């Protein structure tokens, strides 16, 4: 099938080719001839149209690359910046990591009729079909399977006798201050000691949560273990972080969404409690800590 004028225009734009270049390839004197061909009322000579079709096939870059002919186990997919933002937004919507998204995408390709069509197009180098890739059922299935596997492992473990009450709270740990779980507020850095069964690792510290924006996962008044974060890169989307700027400090889930005015993806601070709103944009401050766990057993020293 011969390419249409719109397809030729789109090909020139996507391939970075100019109309001057096309005129030279077609053996015509100037860009004006190409402009006339592609005008609404213009007509492309049959011989030139065949030549353009051949040029389009020769310069077509597939949206994928295989590492080499002897190793078919790796597939590298190149995405435009807007497509990358769309994928990250979908990861945020599904509350999964990028690596989990890629794994589920491959599972979708292998287990659905639409996915088979995509694989066939990649193998043959033909244009990718327009499909609706719905990963939500696979996300739910993976969560269910993970819970079943965890339960199965738990049942196989021989129960351990609990330690005596006097010995399980044997770690003396400082609570270095408070952190807001709501709006940004100045931190309270009055330390005090607790006893717990958790031994702090390198770079870890304990904060008391004030506020309900992270409920029910992290209740108001909880003591949370944080790990110091001082260097790039920014943690993965979905990580619970301690964020600081000139307004104060807060505990939130790191998110990312498109700015409706600029069209660009921006990092935001997202509460787990739907009664609270996002803090956006995340601008001018820094992520100083990453959530590790909530202390279940502790008492004041």
C-alpha atoms as a PDB file:
ATOM      1  CA  UNK A   1       0.000   0.000   0.000  1.00  0.00           C
ATOM      2  CA  UNK A   2       1.348   3.405  -0.996  1.00  0.00           C
ATOM      3  CA  UNK A   3       2.004   5.904   1.813  1.00  0.00           C
ATOM      4  CA  UNK A   4      -0.411   8.796   2.224  1.00  0.00           C
ATOM      5  CA  UNK A   5       0.644  12.439   2.384  1.00  0.00           C
ATOM      6  CA  UNK A   6       0.060  12.498   6.144  1.00  0.00           C
ATOM      7  CA  UNK A   7       2.214   9.406   6.592  1.00  0.00           C
ATOM      8  CA  UNK A   8       5.001  11.004   4.541  1.00  0.00           C
ATOM      9  CA  UNK A   9       4.810  14.205   6.612  1.00  0.00           C
ATOM     10  CA  UNK A  10       4.903  12.208   9.853  1.00  0.00           C
ATOM     11  CA  UNK A  11       7.840  10.130   8.563  1.00  0.00           C
ATOM     12  CA  UNK A  12       9.833  13.255   7.694  1.00  0.00           C
ATOM     13  CA  UNK A  13       9.190  14.723  11.151  1.00  0.00           C
ATOM     14  CA  UNK A  14       9.966  11.545  13.116  1.00  0.00           C
ATOM     15  CA  UNK A  15      13.085  10.698  11.100  1.00  0.00           C
ATOM     16  CA  UNK A  16      14.460  14.256  11.244  1.00  0.00           C
ATOM     17  CA  UNK A  17      14.549  14.536   7.454  1.00  0.00           C
ATOM     18  CA  UNK A  18      13.848  17.865   5.731  1.00  0.00           C
ATOM     19  CA  UNK A  19      11.825  18.512   2.607  1.00  0.00           C
ATOM     20  CA  UNK A  20      15.027  19.795   0.992  1.00  0.00           C
ATOM     21  CA  UNK A  21      16.576  16.375   1.620  1.00  0.00           C
ATOM     22  CA  UNK A  22      13.548  14.627   0.127  1.00  0.00           C
ATOM     23  CA  UNK A  23      13.689  16.864  -2.938  1.00  0.00           C
ATOM     24  CA  UNK A  24      17.349  15.938  -3.459  1.00  0.00           C
ATOM     25  CA  UNK A  25      16.608  12.224  -3.036  1.00  0.00           C
ATOM     26  CA  UNK A  26      13.766  12.442  -5.554  1.00  0.00           C
ATOM     27  CA  UNK A  27      15.911  14.290  -8.105  1.00  0.00           C
ATOM     28  CA  UNK A  28      13.884  17.512  -8.193  1.00  0.00           C
ATOM     29  CA  UNK A  29      15.375  20.981  -8.174  1.00  0.00           C
ATOM     30  CA  UNK A  30      13.873  22.509  -5.055  1.00  0.00           C
ATOM     31  CA  UNK A  31      11.832  22.037  -1.902  1.00  0.00           C
ATOM     32  CA  UNK A  32       8.916  23.782  -3.631  1.00  0.00           C
ATOM     33  CA  UNK A  33       8.203  20.652  -5.667  1.00  0.00           C
ATOM     34  CA  UNK A  34       7.864  18.610  -2.465  1.00  0.00           C
ATOM     35  CA  UNK A  35       5.669  21.338  -0.925  1.00  0.00           C
ATOM     36  CA  UNK A  36       3.367  21.149  -3.957  1.00  0.00           C
ATOM     37  CA  UNK A  37       3.180  17.348  -3.753  1.00  0.00           C
ATOM     38  CA  UNK A  38       2.230  17.415  -0.055  1.00  0.00           C
ATOM     39  CA  UNK A  39      -0.263  20.282  -0.334  1.00  0.00           C
ATOM     40  CA  UNK A  40      -3.935  19.399   0.108  1.00  0.00           C
ATOM     41  CA  UNK A  41      -4.624  19.830  -3.591  1.00  0.00           C
ATOM     42  CA  UNK A  42      -1.271  18.433  -4.726  1.00  0.00           C
ATOM     43  CA  UNK A  43      -0.528  15.113  -6.427  1.00  0.00           C
ATOM     44  CA  UNK A  44       2.630  13.046  -5.984  1.00  0.00           C
ATOM     45  CA  UNK A  45       3.838  11.532  -9.288  1.00  0.00           C
ATOM     46  CA  UNK A  46       3.611   7.741  -9.211  1.00  0.00           C
ATOM     47  CA  UNK A  47       7.338   7.256  -9.843  1.00  0.00           C
ATOM     48  CA  UNK A  48       8.228   9.673  -7.035  1.00  0.00           C
ATOM     49  CA  UNK A  49       5.726   8.029  -4.705  1.00  0.00           C
ATOM     50  CA  UNK A  50       7.376   4.634  -5.286  1.00  0.00           C
ATOM     51  CA  UNK A  51      10.770   6.201  -4.557  1.00  0.00           C
ATOM     52  CA  UNK A  52       9.457   7.827  -1.356  1.00  0.00           C
ATOM     53  CA  UNK A  53       8.006   4.502  -0.249  1.00  0.00           C
ATOM     54  CA  UNK A  54      11.415   2.881  -0.739  1.00  0.00           C
ATOM     55  CA  UNK A  55      13.118   5.684   1.219  1.00  0.00           C
ATOM     56  CA  UNK A  56      10.644   5.259   4.058  1.00  0.00           C
ATOM     57  CA  UNK A  57      11.372   1.538   4.271  1.00  0.00           C
ATOM     58  CA  UNK A  58      15.133   2.103   4.193  1.00  0.00           C
ATOM     59  CA  UNK A  59      15.119   4.736   6.941  1.00  0.00           C
ATOM     60  CA  UNK A  60      12.516   3.112   9.174  1.00  0.00           C
ATOM     61  CA  UNK A  61      13.960   2.501  12.646  1.00  0.00           C
ATOM     62  CA  UNK A  62      12.241  -0.270  14.598  1.00  0.00           C
ATOM     63  CA  UNK A  63      11.216   0.614  18.174  1.00  0.00           C
ATOM     64  CA  UNK A  64      13.278  -2.265  19.485  1.00  0.00           C
ATOM     65  CA  UNK A  65      16.732  -3.804  19.183  1.00  0.00           C
ATOM     66  CA  UNK A  66      17.958  -7.344  19.789  1.00  0.00           C
ATOM     67  CA  UNK A  67      21.393  -7.591  21.405  1.00  0.00           C
ATOM     68  CA  UNK A  68      22.793  -9.799  18.639  1.00  0.00           C
ATOM     69  CA  UNK A  69      21.733 -12.588  16.325  1.00  0.00           C
ATOM     70  CA  UNK A  70      23.059 -15.296  18.627  1.00  0.00           C
ATOM     71  CA  UNK A  71      21.460 -13.998  21.835  1.00  0.00           C
ATOM     72  CA  UNK A  72      17.705 -13.605  21.617  1.00  0.00           C
ATOM     73  CA  UNK A  73      17.168 -13.412  25.392  1.00  0.00           C
ATOM     74  CA  UNK A  74      17.407  -9.634  25.694  1.00  0.00           C
ATOM     75  CA  UNK A  75      15.083  -7.086  24.141  1.00  0.00           C
ATOM     76  CA  UNK A  76      15.866  -3.386  24.425  1.00  0.00           C
ATOM     77  CA  UNK A  77      12.931  -1.020  23.939  1.00  0.00           C
ATOM     78  CA  UNK A  78      13.537   2.679  23.270  1.00  0.00           C
ATOM     79  CA  UNK A  79      10.805   5.046  24.464  1.00  0.00           C
ATOM     80  CA  UNK A  80      10.257   8.695  23.623  1.00  0.00           C
ATOM     81  CA  UNK A  81      10.330  11.063  26.668  1.00  0.00           C
ATOM     82  CA  UNK A  82       6.537  11.396  26.685  1.00  0.00           C
ATOM     83  CA  UNK A  83       6.197   7.602  26.598  1.00  0.00           C
ATOM     84  CA  UNK A  84       8.627   7.283  29.517  1.00  0.00           C
ATOM     85  CA  UNK A  85       6.502   9.707  31.542  1.00  0.00           C
ATOM     86  CA  UNK A  86       3.368   7.728  30.655  1.00  0.00           C
ATOM     87  CA  UNK A  87       4.969   4.458  31.816  1.00  0.00           C
ATOM     88  CA  UNK A  88       6.092   6.028  35.121  1.00  0.00           C
ATOM     89  CA  UNK A  89       2.613   7.465  35.634  1.00  0.00           C
ATOM     90  CA  UNK A  90       1.106   4.005  35.072  1.00  0.00           C
ATOM     91  CA  UNK A  91       3.564   2.521  37.597  1.00  0.00           C
ATOM     92  CA  UNK A  92       2.398   5.150  40.086  1.00  0.00           C
ATOM     93  CA  UNK A  93      -1.279   4.387  39.347  1.00  0.00           C
ATOM     94  CA  UNK A  94      -0.754   0.653  39.834  1.00  0.00           C
ATOM     95  CA  UNK A  95       1.545   1.261  42.853  1.00  0.00           C
ATOM     96  CA  UNK A  96       4.309  -0.952  41.447  1.00  0.00           C
ATOM     97  CA  UNK A  97       7.992  -0.434  40.631  1.00  0.00           C
ATOM     98  CA  UNK A  98       9.280   0.015  37.085  1.00  0.00           C
ATOM     99  CA  UNK A  99      10.953  -3.416  37.172  1.00  0.00           C
ATOM    100  CA  UNK A 100       7.656  -5.010  38.252  1.00  0.00           C
ATOM    101  CA  UNK A 101       5.875  -3.162  35.444  1.00  0.00           C
ATOM    102  CA  UNK A 102       8.341  -4.550  32.879  1.00  0.00           C
ATOM    103  CA  UNK A 103       7.924  -8.092  34.231  1.00  0.00           C
ATOM    104  CA  UNK A 104       4.129  -7.852  34.121  1.00  0.00           C
ATOM    105  CA  UNK A 105       4.283  -6.351  30.628  1.00  0.00           C
ATOM    106  CA  UNK A 106       6.227  -9.391  29.392  1.00  0.00           C
ATOM    107  CA  UNK A 107       3.753 -11.697  31.138  1.00  0.00           C
ATOM    108  CA  UNK A 108       0.903  -9.847  29.417  1.00  0.00           C
ATOM    109  CA  UNK A 109       2.617 -10.302  26.035  1.00  0.00           C
ATOM    110  CA  UNK A 110       3.031 -14.019  26.686  1.00  0.00           C
ATOM    111  CA  UNK A 111      -0.471 -14.754  28.002  1.00  0.00           C
ATOM    112  CA  UNK A 112      -2.902 -12.599  26.007  1.00  0.00           C
ATOM    113  CA  UNK A 113      -4.002 -12.556  22.387  1.00  0.00           C
ATOM    114  CA  UNK A 114      -3.160  -8.852  22.080  1.00  0.00           C
ATOM    115  CA  UNK A 115       0.278  -9.536  23.572  1.00  0.00           C
ATOM    116  CA  UNK A 116       0.906 -12.281  21.019  1.00  0.00           C
ATOM    117  CA  UNK A 117       0.173  -9.753  18.262  1.00  0.00           C
ATOM    118  CA  UNK A 118       2.754  -7.359  19.736  1.00  0.00           C
ATOM    119  CA  UNK A 119       5.404 -10.109  19.922  1.00  0.00           C
ATOM    120  CA  UNK A 120       4.680 -11.139  16.336  1.00  0.00           C
ATOM    121  CA  UNK A 121       5.141  -7.535  15.192  1.00  0.00           C
ATOM    122  CA  UNK A 122       8.471  -7.287  17.036  1.00  0.00           C
ATOM    123  CA  UNK A 123       9.699 -10.510  15.444  1.00  0.00           C
ATOM    124  CA  UNK A 124       8.705  -9.540  11.909  1.00  0.00           C
ATOM    125  CA  UNK A 125       9.584  -5.847  12.214  1.00  0.00           C
ATOM    126  CA  UNK A 126       6.077  -4.819  11.165  1.00  0.00           C
ATOM    127  CA  UNK A 127       4.295  -1.784  12.711  1.00  0.00           C
ATOM    128  CA  UNK A 128       3.105  -2.389  16.259  1.00  0.00           C
ATOM    129  CA  UNK A 129      -0.671  -2.905  16.567  1.00  0.00           C
ATOM    130  CA  UNK A 130      -2.834  -0.559  18.616  1.00  0.00           C
ATOM    131  CA  UNK A 131      -3.745  -2.482  21.786  1.00  0.00           C
ATOM    132  CA  UNK A 132      -5.093  -1.771  25.263  1.00  0.00           C
ATOM    133  CA  UNK A 133      -2.582  -3.216  27.735  1.00  0.00           C
ATOM    134  CA  UNK A 134      -4.469  -3.680  31.006  1.00  0.00           C
ATOM    135  CA  UNK A 135      -2.023  -4.864  33.678  1.00  0.00           C
ATOM    136  CA  UNK A 136      -4.343  -4.400  36.664  1.00  0.00           C
ATOM    137  CA  UNK A 137      -5.529  -8.070  36.741  1.00  0.00           C
ATOM    138  CA  UNK A 138      -1.900  -9.267  36.637  1.00  0.00           C
ATOM    139  CA  UNK A 139      -0.998  -6.891  39.492  1.00  0.00           C
ATOM    140  CA  UNK A 140      -3.838  -8.289  41.619  1.00  0.00           C
ATOM    141  CA  UNK A 141      -2.828 -11.844  40.724  1.00  0.00           C
ATOM    142  CA  UNK A 142       0.823 -11.234  41.630  1.00  0.00           C
ATOM    143  CA  UNK A 143      -0.173  -9.745  44.997  1.00  0.00           C
ATOM    144  CA  UNK A 144      -2.402 -12.745  45.729  1.00  0.00           C
ATOM    145  CA  UNK A 145       0.303 -15.227  44.700  1.00  0.00           C
ATOM    146  CA  UNK A 146       2.918 -13.427  46.786  1.00  0.00           C
ATOM    147  CA  UNK A 147       0.637 -13.578  49.831  1.00  0.00           C
ATOM    148  CA  UNK A 148       0.058 -17.321  49.262  1.00  0.00           C
ATOM    149  CA  UNK A 149       3.785 -17.963  48.917  1.00  0.00           C
ATOM    150  CA  UNK A 150       4.522 -15.979  52.062  1.00  0.00           C
ATOM    151  CA  UNK A 151       1.866 -17.933  53.975  1.00  0.00           C
ATOM    152  CA  UNK A 152       3.246 -21.239  52.657  1.00  0.00           C
ATOM    153  CA  UNK A 153       6.765 -20.311  53.786  1.00  0.00           C
ATOM    154  CA  UNK A 154       5.450 -19.217  57.168  1.00  0.00           C
ATOM    155  CA  UNK A 155       3.742 -22.596  57.687  1.00  0.00           C
ATOM    156  CA  UNK A 156       6.982 -24.451  56.909  1.00  0.00           C
ATOM    157  CA  UNK A 157       9.007 -22.503  59.482  1.00  0.00           C
ATOM    158  CA  UNK A 158       9.362 -24.177  62.846  1.00  0.00           C
ATOM    159  CA  UNK A 159       7.923 -21.849  65.487  1.00  0.00           C
ATOM    160  CA  UNK A 160      10.537 -20.275  67.742  1.00  0.00           C
ATOM    161  CA  UNK A 161       9.887 -19.919  71.426  1.00  0.00           C
ATOM    162  CA  UNK A 162       9.439 -16.211  72.273  1.00  0.00           C
ATOM    163  CA  UNK A 163      12.152 -14.588  74.352  1.00  0.00           C
ATOM    164  CA  UNK A 164      11.331 -13.749  77.957  1.00  0.00           C
ATOM    165  CA  UNK A 165       9.699 -10.372  78.415  1.00  0.00           C
ATOM    166  CA  UNK A 166      12.722  -9.048  80.268  1.00  0.00           C
ATOM    167  CA  UNK A 167      15.147  -9.814  77.411  1.00  0.00           C
ATOM    168  CA  UNK A 168      13.406  -8.865  74.166  1.00  0.00           C
ATOM    169  CA  UNK A 169      13.558  -5.123  74.918  1.00  0.00           C
ATOM    170  CA  UNK A 170      17.330  -5.173  75.211  1.00  0.00           C
ATOM    171  CA  UNK A 171      18.286  -2.438  72.732  1.00  0.00           C
ATOM    172  CA  UNK A 172      18.543   1.127  74.046  1.00  0.00           C
ATOM    173  CA  UNK A 173      17.666   3.414  71.121  1.00  0.00           C
ATOM    174  CA  UNK A 174      17.339   7.221  70.988  1.00  0.00           C
ATOM    175  CA  UNK A 175      14.252   8.809  69.452  1.00  0.00           C
ATOM    176  CA  UNK A 176      15.888  11.885  67.926  1.00  0.00           C
ATOM    177  CA  UNK A 177      12.710  13.903  67.298  1.00  0.00           C
ATOM    178  CA  UNK A 178       9.288  14.107  65.685  1.00  0.00           C
ATOM    179  CA  UNK A 179       8.184  14.097  62.044  1.00  0.00           C
ATOM    180  CA  UNK A 180       4.895  15.441  60.724  1.00  0.00           C
ATOM    181  CA  UNK A 181       2.470  13.159  58.894  1.00  0.00           C
ATOM    182  CA  UNK A 182       0.319  15.955  57.540  1.00  0.00           C
ATOM    183  CA  UNK A 183       1.393  19.364  56.281  1.00  0.00           C
ATOM    184  CA  UNK A 184       5.021  20.434  56.452  1.00  0.00           C
ATOM    185  CA  UNK A 185       5.810  21.577  60.004  1.00  0.00           C
ATOM    186  CA  UNK A 186       9.053  22.394  61.825  1.00  0.00           C
ATOM    187  CA  UNK A 187      10.572  19.269  63.365  1.00  0.00           C
ATOM    188  CA  UNK A 188      10.797  18.797  67.132  1.00  0.00           C
ATOM    189  CA  UNK A 189      14.285  17.599  67.982  1.00  0.00           C
ATOM    190  CA  UNK A 190      13.942  16.835  71.691  1.00  0.00           C
ATOM    191  CA  UNK A 191      15.477  13.338  71.983  1.00  0.00           C
ATOM    192  CA  UNK A 192      14.577  10.632  74.461  1.00  0.00           C
ATOM    193  CA  UNK A 193      15.504   6.981  74.951  1.00  0.00           C
ATOM    194  CA  UNK A 194      13.414   3.856  74.381  1.00  0.00           C
ATOM    195  CA  UNK A 195      14.044   0.133  74.714  1.00  0.00           C
ATOM    196  CA  UNK A 196      13.191  -2.114  71.783  1.00  0.00           C
ATOM    197  CA  UNK A 197      14.145  -5.376  70.082  1.00  0.00           C
ATOM    198  CA  UNK A 198      15.327  -3.552  66.954  1.00  0.00           C
ATOM    199  CA  UNK A 199      19.042  -2.993  66.513  1.00  0.00           C
ATOM    200  CA  UNK A 200      19.678   0.109  64.416  1.00  0.00           C
ATOM    201  CA  UNK A 201      21.744  -0.435  61.290  1.00  0.00           C
ATOM    202  CA  UNK A 202      24.245   1.925  59.706  1.00  0.00           C
ATOM    203  CA  UNK A 203      22.706   5.334  59.044  1.00  0.00           C
ATOM    204  CA  UNK A 204      19.419   4.433  60.780  1.00  0.00           C
ATOM    205  CA  UNK A 205      17.561   6.555  63.336  1.00  0.00           C
ATOM    206  CA  UNK A 206      14.138   6.683  65.004  1.00  0.00           C
ATOM    207  CA  UNK A 207      11.462   9.396  64.723  1.00  0.00           C
ATOM    208  CA  UNK A 208       8.021   9.769  66.277  1.00  0.00           C
ATOM    209  CA  UNK A 209       5.195  10.331  63.780  1.00  0.00           C
ATOM    210  CA  UNK A 210       2.761  13.162  64.482  1.00  0.00           C
ATOM    211  CA  UNK A 211      -0.330  13.215  62.263  1.00  0.00           C
ATOM    212  CA  UNK A 212      -2.693  10.891  60.406  1.00  0.00           C
ATOM    213  CA  UNK A 213      -1.770  11.386  56.749  1.00  0.00           C
ATOM    214  CA  UNK A 214       0.010   7.998  56.561  1.00  0.00           C
ATOM    215  CA  UNK A 215      -2.720   5.991  58.287  1.00  0.00           C
ATOM    216  CA  UNK A 216      -3.614   3.169  58.384  1.00  0.00           C
ATOM    217  CA  UNK A 217      -0.127   1.980  57.351  1.00  0.00           C
ATOM    218  CA  UNK A 218       1.702   4.243  59.813  1.00  0.00           C
ATOM    219  CA  UNK A 219      -0.625   5.335  62.682  1.00  0.00           C
ATOM    220  CA  UNK A 220      -0.340   8.659  64.482  1.00  0.00           C
ATOM    221  CA  UNK A 221       2.147   8.358  67.350  1.00  0.00           C
ATOM    222  CA  UNK A 222       4.150   5.513  65.783  1.00  0.00           C
ATOM    223  CA  UNK A 223       7.898   5.229  66.103  1.00  0.00           C
ATOM    224  CA  UNK A 224       9.485   4.676  62.696  1.00  0.00           C
ATOM    225  CA  UNK A 225      12.987   3.601  61.747  1.00  0.00           C
ATOM    226  CA  UNK A 226      14.470   5.765  58.970  1.00  0.00           C
ATOM    227  CA  UNK A 227      17.701   5.410  56.990  1.00  0.00           C
ATOM    228  CA  UNK A 228      19.724   8.499  56.137  1.00  0.00           C
ATOM    229  CA  UNK A 229      19.627   9.480  52.444  1.00  0.00           C
ATOM    230  CA  UNK A 230      22.242  11.977  51.332  1.00  0.00           C
ATOM    231  CA  UNK A 231      23.231  11.203  47.727  1.00  0.00           C
ATOM    232  CA  UNK A 232      21.496  10.887  44.322  1.00  0.00           C
ATOM    233  CA  UNK A 233      19.611   9.319  42.742  1.00  0.00           C
ATOM    234  CA  UNK A 234      16.129  10.189  43.971  1.00  0.00           C
ATOM    235  CA  UNK A 235      14.532   7.069  45.543  1.00  0.00           C
ATOM    236  CA  UNK A 236      12.096   4.992  43.509  1.00  0.00           C
ATOM    237  CA  UNK A 237       8.544   6.248  43.123  1.00  0.00           C
ATOM    238  CA  UNK A 238       6.446   4.600  45.847  1.00  0.00           C
ATOM    239  CA  UNK A 239       9.159   4.869  48.537  1.00  0.00           C
ATOM    240  CA  UNK A 240       8.124   6.466  51.838  1.00  0.00           C
ATOM    241  CA  UNK A 241      10.527   9.332  52.498  1.00  0.00           C
ATOM    242  CA  UNK A 242      11.398  12.093  54.952  1.00  0.00           C
ATOM    243  CA  UNK A 243      11.260  15.396  53.071  1.00  0.00           C
ATOM    244  CA  UNK A 244      12.753  18.699  54.266  1.00  0.00           C
ATOM    245  CA  UNK A 245      12.505  22.254  52.974  1.00  0.00           C
ATOM    246  CA  UNK A 246      12.387  25.737  54.479  1.00  0.00           C
ATOM    247  CA  UNK A 247       8.799  25.122  55.654  1.00  0.00           C
ATOM    248  CA  UNK A 248       9.637  22.075  57.730  1.00  0.00           C
ATOM    249  CA  UNK A 249       9.718  18.298  57.510  1.00  0.00           C
ATOM    250  CA  UNK A 250       7.132  15.636  56.634  1.00  0.00           C
ATOM    251  CA  UNK A 251       6.758  11.872  56.074  1.00  0.00           C
ATOM    252  CA  UNK A 252       5.134  10.977  52.756  1.00  0.00           C
ATOM    253  CA  UNK A 253       5.121   8.499  49.892  1.00  0.00           C
ATOM    254  CA  UNK A 254       7.152   9.703  46.900  1.00  0.00           C
ATOM    255  CA  UNK A 255       4.952  10.087  43.825  1.00  0.00           C
ATOM    256  CA  UNK A 256       5.130  11.525  40.326  1.00  0.00           C
ATOM    257  CA  UNK A 257       2.436  13.029  38.112  1.00  0.00           C
ATOM    258  CA  UNK A 258       2.030  15.322  35.137  1.00  0.00           C
ATOM    259  CA  UNK A 259       1.789  19.068  35.670  1.00  0.00           C
ATOM    260  CA  UNK A 260      -1.379  20.131  33.744  1.00  0.00           C
ATOM    261  CA  UNK A 261       0.161  23.525  32.919  1.00  0.00           C
ATOM    262  CA  UNK A 262       3.616  22.467  31.686  1.00  0.00           C
ATOM    263  CA  UNK A 263       2.839  18.890  30.645  1.00  0.00           C
ATOM    264  CA  UNK A 264       5.996  17.720  32.451  1.00  0.00           C
ATOM    265  CA  UNK A 265       6.192  14.968  35.062  1.00  0.00           C
ATOM    266  CA  UNK A 266       6.956  16.310  38.551  1.00  0.00           C
ATOM    267  CA  UNK A 267       7.708  14.627  41.867  1.00  0.00           C
ATOM    268  CA  UNK A 268       5.028  15.041  44.543  1.00  0.00           C
ATOM    269  CA  UNK A 269       4.605  13.967  48.167  1.00  0.00           C
ATOM    270  CA  UNK A 270       1.609  11.660  48.442  1.00  0.00           C
ATOM    271  CA  UNK A 271      -0.228  10.739  51.693  1.00  0.00           C
ATOM    272  CA  UNK A 272      -1.587   7.216  52.186  1.00  0.00           C
ATOM    273  CA  UNK A 273      -4.688   8.577  53.930  1.00  0.00           C
ATOM    274  CA  UNK A 274      -7.128   9.736  51.194  1.00  0.00           C
ATOM    275  CA  UNK A 275      -8.427  12.460  53.504  1.00  0.00           C
ATOM    276  CA  UNK A 276      -5.175  14.365  52.907  1.00  0.00           C
ATOM    277  CA  UNK A 277      -3.967  15.981  49.690  1.00  0.00           C
ATOM    278  CA  UNK A 278      -0.658  15.803  47.842  1.00  0.00           C
ATOM    279  CA  UNK A 279       2.119  18.275  48.578  1.00  0.00           C
ATOM    280  CA  UNK A 280       3.282  19.499  45.174  1.00  0.00           C
ATOM    281  CA  UNK A 281       5.459  20.284  43.491  1.00  0.00           C
ATOM    282  CA  UNK A 282       8.347  18.794  45.443  1.00  0.00           C
ATOM    283  CA  UNK A 283      10.619  21.751  44.784  1.00  0.00           C
ATOM    284  CA  UNK A 284      13.456  23.425  46.640  1.00  0.00           C
ATOM    285  CA  UNK A 285      13.838  20.823  49.372  1.00  0.00           C
ATOM    286  CA  UNK A 286      15.566  17.499  49.771  1.00  0.00           C
ATOM    287  CA  UNK A 287      14.878  13.903  50.725  1.00  0.00           C
ATOM    288  CA  UNK A 288      16.865  13.299  53.886  1.00  0.00           C
ATOM    289  CA  UNK A 289      15.651   9.831  54.899  1.00  0.00           C
ATOM    290  CA  UNK A 290      13.964   6.635  53.675  1.00  0.00           C
ATOM    291  CA  UNK A 291      11.403   4.694  55.723  1.00  0.00           C
ATOM    292  CA  UNK A 292      12.616   1.266  56.920  1.00  0.00           C
ATOM    293  CA  UNK A 293       9.942  -0.039  59.296  1.00  0.00           C
ATOM    294  CA  UNK A 294       7.570   0.799  62.145  1.00  0.00           C
ATOM    295  CA  UNK A 295       8.607  -0.364  65.623  1.00  0.00           C
ATOM    296  CA  UNK A 296       6.031  -2.773  67.016  1.00  0.00           C
ATOM    297  CA  UNK A 297       7.538  -3.475  70.429  1.00  0.00           C
ATOM    298  CA  UNK A 298       9.112  -0.728  72.494  1.00  0.00           C
ATOM    299  CA  UNK A 299       8.842   1.072  75.812  1.00  0.00           C
ATOM    300  CA  UNK A 300      10.320   4.235  77.252  1.00  0.00           C
ATOM    301  CA  UNK A 301      13.648   3.720  78.967  1.00  0.00           C
END
